[in-house]
Amino acid sequence: MTIEKHERSTKDLVKAAVSGWLGTALEFMDF
């Protein structure tokens, strides 16, 4: 596993976590 690949997967993980959190927050606030 290269460092570049690791960094990219970490960014993807953060992106997925943020989008998942945003989806939950929007659902919770019922916009």
N, C-alpha and C. Protein backbone atom coordinates (compact mmCIF):
# COMPACT_ATOMS: atom_id res chain seq x y z
N MET A 1 0.86 -1.20 0.00
CA MET A 1 0.00 0.00 0.00
C MET A 1 0.89 1.25 0.00
N THR A 2 0.69 2.09 -0.98
CA THR A 2 1.50 3.30 -1.07
C THR A 2 0.88 4.41 -0.24
N ILE A 3 1.68 5.41 0.07
CA ILE A 3 1.18 6.53 0.88
C ILE A 3 0.10 7.28 0.11
N GLU A 4 0.33 7.46 -1.19
CA GLU A 4 -0.66 8.20 -2.00
C GLU A 4 -2.01 7.50 -1.95
N LYS A 5 -1.99 6.18 -2.12
CA LYS A 5 -3.25 5.43 -2.11
C LYS A 5 -3.91 5.57 -0.74
N HIS A 6 -3.11 5.50 0.31
CA HIS A 6 -3.65 5.60 1.67
C HIS A 6 -4.29 6.97 1.88
N GLU A 7 -3.61 8.01 1.42
CA GLU A 7 -4.16 9.37 1.58
C GLU A 7 -5.47 9.51 0.83
N ARG A 8 -5.51 8.95 -0.39
CA ARG A 8 -6.73 9.06 -1.19
C ARG A 8 -7.89 8.33 -0.50
N SER A 9 -7.63 7.13 0.01
CA SER A 9 -8.70 6.38 0.66
C SER A 9 -9.14 7.10 1.93
N THR A 10 -8.22 7.77 2.61
CA THR A 10 -8.59 8.52 3.81
C THR A 10 -9.49 9.68 3.44
N LYS A 11 -9.16 10.36 2.35
CA LYS A 11 -10.00 11.48 1.89
C LYS A 11 -11.39 10.96 1.53
N ASP A 12 -11.43 9.81 0.83
CA ASP A 12 -12.73 9.24 0.45
C ASP A 12 -13.52 8.88 1.71
N LEU A 13 -12.83 8.35 2.72
CA LEU A 13 -13.50 7.97 3.97
C LEU A 13 -14.09 9.21 4.63
N VAL A 14 -13.31 10.29 4.69
CA VAL A 14 -13.80 11.54 5.30
C VAL A 14 -14.98 12.07 4.50
N LYS A 15 -14.87 12.00 3.17
CA LYS A 15 -15.97 12.49 2.32
C LYS A 15 -17.24 11.70 2.60
N ALA A 16 -17.10 10.37 2.71
CA ALA A 16 -18.26 9.52 2.96
C ALA A 16 -18.85 9.83 4.34
N ALA A 17 -17.98 10.05 5.33
CA ALA A 17 -18.46 10.34 6.68
C ALA A 17 -19.19 11.68 6.71
N VAL A 18 -18.64 12.68 6.03
CA VAL A 18 -19.26 14.01 6.01
C VAL A 18 -20.61 13.96 5.30
N SER A 19 -20.65 13.32 4.13
CA SER A 19 -21.92 13.25 3.39
C SER A 19 -22.94 12.45 4.19
N GLY A 20 -22.50 11.41 4.87
CA GLY A 20 -23.42 10.61 5.69
C GLY A 20 -23.94 11.44 6.86
N TRP A 21 -23.05 12.21 7.49
CA TRP A 21 -23.46 13.05 8.62
C TRP A 21 -24.41 14.14 8.15
N LEU A 22 -24.11 14.73 6.99
CA LEU A 22 -24.99 15.79 6.45
C LEU A 22 -26.36 15.21 6.16
N GLY A 23 -26.41 14.03 5.56
CA GLY A 23 -27.69 13.40 5.25
C GLY A 23 -28.49 13.16 6.52
N THR A 24 -27.82 12.68 7.58
CA THR A 24 -28.51 12.44 8.84
C THR A 24 -28.98 13.75 9.46
N ALA A 25 -28.13 14.78 9.40
CA ALA A 25 -28.49 16.08 9.99
C ALA A 25 -29.70 16.66 9.25
N LEU A 26 -29.67 16.60 7.92
CA LEU A 26 -30.79 17.15 7.14
C LEU A 26 -32.06 16.38 7.47
N GLU A 27 -31.96 15.05 7.58
CA GLU A 27 -33.14 14.25 7.90
C GLU A 27 -33.65 14.61 9.29
N PHE A 28 -32.73 14.76 10.24
CA PHE A 28 -33.11 15.06 11.62
C PHE A 28 -33.80 16.42 11.72
N MET A 29 -33.28 17.41 10.97
CA MET A 29 -33.87 18.76 11.01
C MET A 29 -35.13 18.83 10.14
N ASP A 30 -35.32 17.83 9.28
CA ASP A 30 -36.52 17.76 8.43
C ASP A 30 -36.68 19.03 7.60
N PHE A 31 -35.66 19.34 6.80
CA PHE A 31 -35.73 20.54 5.95
C PHE A 31 -36.71 20.34 4.81
